[in-house]
Amino acid sequence: FAKRLATGICQLCDTPAPFNDKKGDAYLETHHIEWLARGGEDTIYNTVALCPNCHKKMHVLDLDKDKEFLLQKMKVKLEQAGLFE
C-alpha cells in the first residue's frame, strides 16, 4: 500500500525512484517509520516507501527529524485518501 500511495516518488527526498524493476514498476523500498524491533506497528500509518538511498539513511543515521517529517507526511497523505484514524 505504501508503494502505491507514493506513486513512484520517495517519501523522504521527494525524487522519483532511481530505476524500474523487471515489471516496469518504480523501485522503492518499504520502511517502518517506528521500527518493528522498537515496538512500531505493522500498519499503513507507520509505513512509507523510500528510495534505496533514503532507506539506508534511515537505518544508518536514524534521525528524529526524518521520522517526524515522514509521520507528518503520512498523516496528510492518509487524510487526503480518507484513511486517517
C-alpha atoms as a PDB file:
ATOM      1  CA  PHE A   1       0.000   0.000   0.000  1.00  0.00           C
ATOM      2  CA  ALA A   2       2.815   2.406   0.898  1.00  0.00           C
ATOM      3  CA  LYS A   3       4.394   1.944  -2.525  1.00  0.00           C
ATOM      4  CA  ARG A   4       1.092   2.591  -4.330  1.00  0.00           C
ATOM      5  CA  LEU A   5       0.472   5.687  -2.216  1.00  0.00           C
ATOM      6  CA  ALA A   6       3.962   7.013  -3.044  1.00  0.00           C
ATOM      7  CA  THR A   7       3.239   6.880  -6.809  1.00  0.00           C
ATOM      8  CA  GLY A   8       6.900   6.276  -7.660  1.00  0.00           C
ATOM      9  CA  ILE A   9       8.257   9.141  -5.546  1.00  0.00           C
ATOM     10  CA  CYS A  10      10.478   8.675  -2.475  1.00  0.00           C
ATOM     11  CA  GLN A  11       8.542   9.961   0.502  1.00  0.00           C
ATOM     12  CA  LEU A  12      11.639  11.369   2.182  1.00  0.00           C
ATOM     13  CA  CYS A  13      13.616  13.120  -0.579  1.00  0.00           C
ATOM     14  CA  ASP A  14      10.641  13.643  -2.957  1.00  0.00           C
ATOM     15  CA  THR A  15      12.559  12.404  -6.009  1.00  0.00           C
ATOM     16  CA  PRO A  16      11.456   9.744  -8.472  1.00  0.00           C
ATOM     17  CA  ALA A  17      12.528   6.153  -7.862  1.00  0.00           C
ATOM     18  CA  PRO A  18      16.059   5.647  -9.217  1.00  0.00           C
ATOM     19  CA  PHE A  19      15.036   2.850 -11.604  1.00  0.00           C
ATOM     20  CA  ASN A  20      12.212   0.494 -12.504  1.00  0.00           C
ATOM     21  CA  ASP A  21      12.096  -3.170 -11.573  1.00  0.00           C
ATOM     22  CA  LYS A  22      11.740  -6.005 -14.120  1.00  0.00           C
ATOM     23  CA  LYS A  23       7.965  -5.486 -14.198  1.00  0.00           C
ATOM     24  CA  GLY A  24       8.458  -1.815 -15.040  1.00  0.00           C
ATOM     25  CA  ASP A  25       7.311  -0.576 -11.617  1.00  0.00           C
ATOM     26  CA  ALA A  26       9.181   2.206  -9.837  1.00  0.00           C
ATOM     27  CA  TYR A  27      11.670   0.660  -7.410  1.00  0.00           C
ATOM     28  CA  LEU A  28      11.045   1.880  -3.870  1.00  0.00           C
ATOM     29  CA  GLU A  29      11.597   0.070  -0.586  1.00  0.00           C
ATOM     30  CA  THR A  30       9.078  -0.168   2.229  1.00  0.00           C
ATOM     31  CA  HIS A  31      10.214   1.191   5.604  1.00  0.00           C
ATOM     32  CA  HIS A  32       8.569   1.244   9.039  1.00  0.00           C
ATOM     33  CA  ILE A  33       8.970   4.750  10.463  1.00  0.00           C
ATOM     34  CA  GLU A  34       8.983   3.389  14.021  1.00  0.00           C
ATOM     35  CA  TRP A  35      10.935   0.167  13.589  1.00  0.00           C
ATOM     36  CA  LEU A  36       9.114  -3.058  14.387  1.00  0.00           C
ATOM     37  CA  ALA A  37      12.102  -4.098  16.514  1.00  0.00           C
ATOM     38  CA  ARG A  38      11.495  -0.997  18.639  1.00  0.00           C
ATOM     39  CA  GLY A  39       7.784  -1.591  19.095  1.00  0.00           C
ATOM     40  CA  GLY A  40       6.488   0.094  15.935  1.00  0.00           C
ATOM     41  CA  GLU A  41       3.275  -1.230  14.444  1.00  0.00           C
ATOM     42  CA  ASP A  42       2.968  -3.001  11.105  1.00  0.00           C
ATOM     43  CA  THR A  43       0.240  -0.668   9.816  1.00  0.00           C
ATOM     44  CA  ILE A  44      -0.277   1.718   6.917  1.00  0.00           C
ATOM     45  CA  TYR A  45       0.146   4.587   9.394  1.00  0.00           C
ATOM     46  CA  ASN A  46       3.724   3.525  10.144  1.00  0.00           C
ATOM     47  CA  THR A  47       4.864   2.504   6.650  1.00  0.00           C
ATOM     48  CA  VAL A  48       6.448   4.577   3.893  1.00  0.00           C
ATOM     49  CA  ALA A  49       8.110   3.966   0.521  1.00  0.00           C
ATOM     50  CA  LEU A  50      11.686   5.191   0.179  1.00  0.00           C
ATOM     51  CA  CYS A  51      14.378   5.178  -2.479  1.00  0.00           C
ATOM     52  CA  PRO A  52      17.287   2.862  -1.598  1.00  0.00           C
ATOM     53  CA  ASN A  53      19.498   5.782  -0.505  1.00  0.00           C
ATOM     54  CA  CYS A  54      16.918   7.241   1.866  1.00  0.00           C
ATOM     55  CA  HIS A  55      16.077   3.786   3.213  1.00  0.00           C
ATOM     56  CA  LYS A  56      19.737   3.225   4.074  1.00  0.00           C
ATOM     57  CA  LYS A  57      19.925   6.746   5.556  1.00  0.00           C
ATOM     58  CA  MET A  58      17.010   5.954   7.863  1.00  0.00           C
ATOM     59  CA  HIS A  59      18.763   2.834   9.153  1.00  0.00           C
ATOM     60  CA  VAL A  60      22.255   4.320   9.452  1.00  0.00           C
ATOM     61  CA  LEU A  61      21.504   7.800  10.804  1.00  0.00           C
ATOM     62  CA  ASP A  62      18.085   7.215  12.429  1.00  0.00           C
ATOM     63  CA  LEU A  63      17.372  10.951  12.634  1.00  0.00           C
ATOM     64  CA  ASP A  64      14.367  12.061  14.683  1.00  0.00           C
ATOM     65  CA  LYS A  65      13.710  14.954  12.270  1.00  0.00           C
ATOM     66  CA  ASP A  66      13.334  12.484   9.381  1.00  0.00           C
ATOM     67  CA  LYS A  67      10.945  10.305  11.398  1.00  0.00           C
ATOM     68  CA  GLU A  68       8.841  13.322  12.364  1.00  0.00           C
ATOM     69  CA  PHE A  69       8.787  14.513   8.740  1.00  0.00           C
ATOM     70  CA  LEU A  70       7.629  11.102   7.494  1.00  0.00           C
ATOM     71  CA  LEU A  71       4.976  10.724  10.193  1.00  0.00           C
ATOM     72  CA  GLN A  72       3.528  14.139   9.343  1.00  0.00           C
ATOM     73  CA  LYS A  73       3.692  13.469   5.613  1.00  0.00           C
ATOM     74  CA  MET A  74       1.895  10.147   6.008  1.00  0.00           C
ATOM     75  CA  LYS A  75      -0.779  11.746   8.160  1.00  0.00           C
ATOM     76  CA  VAL A  76      -1.516  14.277   5.409  1.00  0.00           C
ATOM     77  CA  LYS A  77      -1.488  11.650   2.621  1.00  0.00           C
ATOM     78  CA  LEU A  78      -3.776   9.329   4.572  1.00  0.00           C
ATOM     79  CA  GLU A  79      -6.136  12.192   5.445  1.00  0.00           C
ATOM     80  CA  GLN A  80      -6.341  13.081   1.747  1.00  0.00           C
ATOM     81  CA  ALA A  81      -7.147   9.444   0.979  1.00  0.00           C
ATOM     82  CA  GLY A  82      -9.784   9.385   3.737  1.00  0.00           C
ATOM     83  CA  LEU A  83      -7.853   6.770   5.715  1.00  0.00           C
ATOM     84  CA  PHE A  84      -6.527   8.629   8.755  1.00  0.00           C
ATOM     85  CA  GLU A  85      -7.864   7.335  12.087  1.00  0.00           C
END
